[in-house]
Amino acid sequence: MKKTVTIKENRTFRRIYSKGRSAVTPFLVLYCRPNGQDHNRLGVTVSTKLGGAVVRNRARRRLREVFRLAQPRLRQGYDIVLVARSRAVNGPYDRLAAAFEKACRQLNLLKEAEKT
């Protein structure tokens, strides 16, 4: 299985926050910006307000898995940052996945065949 390319530099996160587009759901906030490459890159942010390290890591794992499963349906060439909200930690997984897909639809990140 191919490993997801991640965003790690603070300046890249800041650029996506300031110049990218965003979509808000009760579970997450999705920021995206074209990156000029042939693949997507993922960055995940979880605030310390959500809980301790165990809780934050669980939220990160859930968001990365939602992204991994949706990756074949996404357009390529975007930097995507997911910001976890409190419901992303303990909310039902299927609702988290639906919220991610809704945010992608709002930002037109799904491939053309998936819109209908």
C-alpha atoms as a PDB file:
ATOM      1  CA  MET A   1       0.000   0.000   0.000  1.00  0.00           C
ATOM      2  CA  LYS A   2       1.254   3.467  -0.911  1.00  0.00           C
ATOM      3  CA  LYS A   3       2.021   5.796   1.976  1.00  0.00           C
ATOM      4  CA  THR A   4       0.296   9.188   2.072  1.00  0.00           C
ATOM      5  CA  VAL A   5       2.541  12.186   1.425  1.00  0.00           C
ATOM      6  CA  THR A   6       2.256  14.474   4.428  1.00  0.00           C
ATOM      7  CA  ILE A   7       2.689  18.196   5.004  1.00  0.00           C
ATOM      8  CA  LYS A   8       5.025  18.939   7.886  1.00  0.00           C
ATOM      9  CA  GLU A   9       6.349  22.495   7.564  1.00  0.00           C
ATOM     10  CA  ASN A  10       4.633  25.272   9.473  1.00  0.00           C
ATOM     11  CA  ARG A  11       5.032  27.725   6.586  1.00  0.00           C
ATOM     12  CA  THR A  12       3.156  25.340   4.269  1.00  0.00           C
ATOM     13  CA  PHE A  13       0.292  25.075   6.761  1.00  0.00           C
ATOM     14  CA  ARG A  14       0.167  28.866   7.097  1.00  0.00           C
ATOM     15  CA  ARG A  15       0.111  29.320   3.314  1.00  0.00           C
ATOM     16  CA  ILE A  16      -2.795  26.882   2.949  1.00  0.00           C
ATOM     17  CA  TYR A  17      -4.730  28.571   5.768  1.00  0.00           C
ATOM     18  CA  SER A  18      -4.264  32.045   4.309  1.00  0.00           C
ATOM     19  CA  LYS A  19      -4.503  31.447   0.552  1.00  0.00           C
ATOM     20  CA  GLY A  20      -6.543  28.230   0.350  1.00  0.00           C
ATOM     21  CA  ARG A  21     -10.270  27.576   0.304  1.00  0.00           C
ATOM     22  CA  SER A  22     -12.115  26.055   3.250  1.00  0.00           C
ATOM     23  CA  ALA A  23     -15.234  24.069   4.090  1.00  0.00           C
ATOM     24  CA  VAL A  24     -16.626  23.658   7.599  1.00  0.00           C
ATOM     25  CA  THR A  25     -18.564  20.701   9.010  1.00  0.00           C
ATOM     26  CA  PRO A  26     -19.393  19.798  12.626  1.00  0.00           C
ATOM     27  CA  PHE A  27     -16.638  17.138  12.552  1.00  0.00           C
ATOM     28  CA  LEU A  28     -13.800  18.902  10.750  1.00  0.00           C
ATOM     29  CA  VAL A  29     -12.600  21.915   8.820  1.00  0.00           C
ATOM     30  CA  LEU A  30     -11.031  21.174   5.437  1.00  0.00           C
ATOM     31  CA  TYR A  31      -8.591  23.592   3.771  1.00  0.00           C
ATOM     32  CA  CYS A  32      -7.287  22.967   0.262  1.00  0.00           C
ATOM     33  CA  ARG A  33      -4.983  24.642  -2.205  1.00  0.00           C
ATOM     34  CA  PRO A  34      -3.532  23.439  -5.540  1.00  0.00           C
ATOM     35  CA  ASN A  35       0.073  22.275  -5.161  1.00  0.00           C
ATOM     36  CA  GLY A  36       1.144  21.900  -8.808  1.00  0.00           C
ATOM     37  CA  GLN A  37       2.119  18.247  -8.350  1.00  0.00           C
ATOM     38  CA  ASP A  38       0.528  15.028  -9.561  1.00  0.00           C
ATOM     39  CA  HIS A  39      -0.486  13.840  -6.093  1.00  0.00           C
ATOM     40  CA  ASN A  40      -2.287  15.097  -3.004  1.00  0.00           C
ATOM     41  CA  ARG A  41      -0.539  15.948   0.249  1.00  0.00           C
ATOM     42  CA  LEU A  42      -2.243  15.732   3.626  1.00  0.00           C
ATOM     43  CA  GLY A  43      -1.766  17.702   6.811  1.00  0.00           C
ATOM     44  CA  VAL A  44      -3.731  17.024   9.990  1.00  0.00           C
ATOM     45  CA  THR A  45      -4.111  19.475  12.885  1.00  0.00           C
ATOM     46  CA  VAL A  46      -5.626  18.652  16.268  1.00  0.00           C
ATOM     47  CA  SER A  47      -5.777  21.273  19.012  1.00  0.00           C
ATOM     48  CA  THR A  48      -4.691  20.536  22.567  1.00  0.00           C
ATOM     49  CA  LYS A  49      -8.159  21.730  23.613  1.00  0.00           C
ATOM     50  CA  LEU A  50      -9.567  18.385  22.436  1.00  0.00           C
ATOM     51  CA  GLY A  51      -7.699  16.388  25.063  1.00  0.00           C
ATOM     52  CA  GLY A  52      -4.448  14.686  25.911  1.00  0.00           C
ATOM     53  CA  ALA A  53      -2.030  12.991  23.553  1.00  0.00           C
ATOM     54  CA  VAL A  54      -4.041   9.763  23.371  1.00  0.00           C
ATOM     55  CA  VAL A  55      -7.202  11.602  22.335  1.00  0.00           C
ATOM     56  CA  ARG A  56      -5.400  13.795  19.804  1.00  0.00           C
ATOM     57  CA  ASN A  57      -3.612  10.820  18.232  1.00  0.00           C
ATOM     58  CA  ARG A  58      -6.912   8.953  17.938  1.00  0.00           C
ATOM     59  CA  ALA A  59      -8.443  11.928  16.126  1.00  0.00           C
ATOM     60  CA  ARG A  60      -5.411  12.078  13.786  1.00  0.00           C
ATOM     61  CA  ARG A  61      -5.658   8.364  12.999  1.00  0.00           C
ATOM     62  CA  ARG A  62      -9.375   8.639  12.232  1.00  0.00           C
ATOM     63  CA  LEU A  63      -8.877  11.624   9.905  1.00  0.00           C
ATOM     64  CA  ARG A  64      -5.962   9.987   8.094  1.00  0.00           C
ATOM     65  CA  GLU A  65      -8.039   6.841   7.544  1.00  0.00           C
ATOM     66  CA  VAL A  66     -10.985   8.821   6.154  1.00  0.00           C
ATOM     67  CA  PHE A  67      -8.583  10.551   3.751  1.00  0.00           C
ATOM     68  CA  ARG A  68      -6.893   7.266   2.771  1.00  0.00           C
ATOM     69  CA  LEU A  69     -10.181   5.586   1.882  1.00  0.00           C
ATOM     70  CA  ALA A  70     -11.419   8.609  -0.093  1.00  0.00           C
ATOM     71  CA  GLN A  71      -8.118   9.173  -1.940  1.00  0.00           C
ATOM     72  CA  PRO A  72      -9.076   7.247  -5.136  1.00  0.00           C
ATOM     73  CA  ARG A  73     -12.176   9.450  -5.555  1.00  0.00           C
ATOM     74  CA  LEU A  74     -10.323  12.755  -5.067  1.00  0.00           C
ATOM     75  CA  ARG A  75      -8.833  14.982  -7.728  1.00  0.00           C
ATOM     76  CA  GLN A  76      -5.056  14.976  -7.625  1.00  0.00           C
ATOM     77  CA  GLY A  77      -2.736  17.943  -7.200  1.00  0.00           C
ATOM     78  CA  TYR A  78      -3.988  19.501  -3.958  1.00  0.00           C
ATOM     79  CA  ASP A  79      -2.604  20.228  -0.522  1.00  0.00           C
ATOM     80  CA  ILE A  80      -5.308  19.284   1.976  1.00  0.00           C
ATOM     81  CA  VAL A  81      -5.295  20.227   5.657  1.00  0.00           C
ATOM     82  CA  LEU A  82      -7.837  18.668   8.016  1.00  0.00           C
ATOM     83  CA  VAL A  83      -8.495  20.406  11.326  1.00  0.00           C
ATOM     84  CA  ALA A  84     -10.247  18.153  13.830  1.00  0.00           C
ATOM     85  CA  ARG A  85     -13.199  19.449  15.806  1.00  0.00           C
ATOM     86  CA  SER A  86     -14.470  17.914  19.028  1.00  0.00           C
ATOM     87  CA  ARG A  87     -16.917  15.531  17.338  1.00  0.00           C
ATOM     88  CA  ALA A  88     -14.106  13.979  15.277  1.00  0.00           C
ATOM     89  CA  VAL A  89     -12.816  12.263  18.407  1.00  0.00           C
ATOM     90  CA  ASN A  90     -15.861  10.361  19.643  1.00  0.00           C
ATOM     91  CA  GLY A  91     -18.455  10.797  16.913  1.00  0.00           C
ATOM     92  CA  PRO A  92     -19.593   7.881  14.745  1.00  0.00           C
ATOM     93  CA  TYR A  93     -17.024   7.001  12.075  1.00  0.00           C
ATOM     94  CA  ASP A  94     -19.590   6.850   9.255  1.00  0.00           C
ATOM     95  CA  ARG A  95     -20.741  10.403  10.041  1.00  0.00           C
ATOM     96  CA  LEU A  96     -17.100  11.559  10.073  1.00  0.00           C
ATOM     97  CA  ALA A  97     -16.576  10.014   6.623  1.00  0.00           C
ATOM     98  CA  ALA A  98     -19.801  11.613   5.362  1.00  0.00           C
ATOM     99  CA  ALA A  99     -18.684  15.007   6.706  1.00  0.00           C
ATOM    100  CA  PHE A 100     -15.336  14.675   4.898  1.00  0.00           C
ATOM    101  CA  GLU A 101     -17.085  13.798   1.651  1.00  0.00           C
ATOM    102  CA  LYS A 102     -19.502  16.729   2.058  1.00  0.00           C
ATOM    103  CA  ALA A 103     -16.584  19.123   2.572  1.00  0.00           C
ATOM    104  CA  CYS A 104     -14.838  17.715  -0.510  1.00  0.00           C
ATOM    105  CA  ARG A 105     -18.004  18.184  -2.535  1.00  0.00           C
ATOM    106  CA  GLN A 106     -18.274  21.818  -1.397  1.00  0.00           C
ATOM    107  CA  LEU A 107     -14.706  22.504  -2.546  1.00  0.00           C
ATOM    108  CA  ASN A 108     -15.091  20.528  -5.790  1.00  0.00           C
ATOM    109  CA  LEU A 109     -12.361  18.047  -4.843  1.00  0.00           C
ATOM    110  CA  LEU A 110     -14.219  14.943  -6.032  1.00  0.00           C
ATOM    111  CA  LYS A 111     -13.620  13.625  -9.535  1.00  0.00           C
ATOM    112  CA  GLU A 112     -16.274  14.487 -12.120  1.00  0.00           C
ATOM    113  CA  ALA A 113     -17.864  11.017 -12.167  1.00  0.00           C
ATOM    114  CA  GLU A 114     -18.463  11.160  -8.391  1.00  0.00           C
ATOM    115  CA  LYS A 115     -20.509  14.377  -8.373  1.00  0.00           C
ATOM    116  CA  THR A 116     -23.822  12.797  -9.289  1.00  0.00           C
END
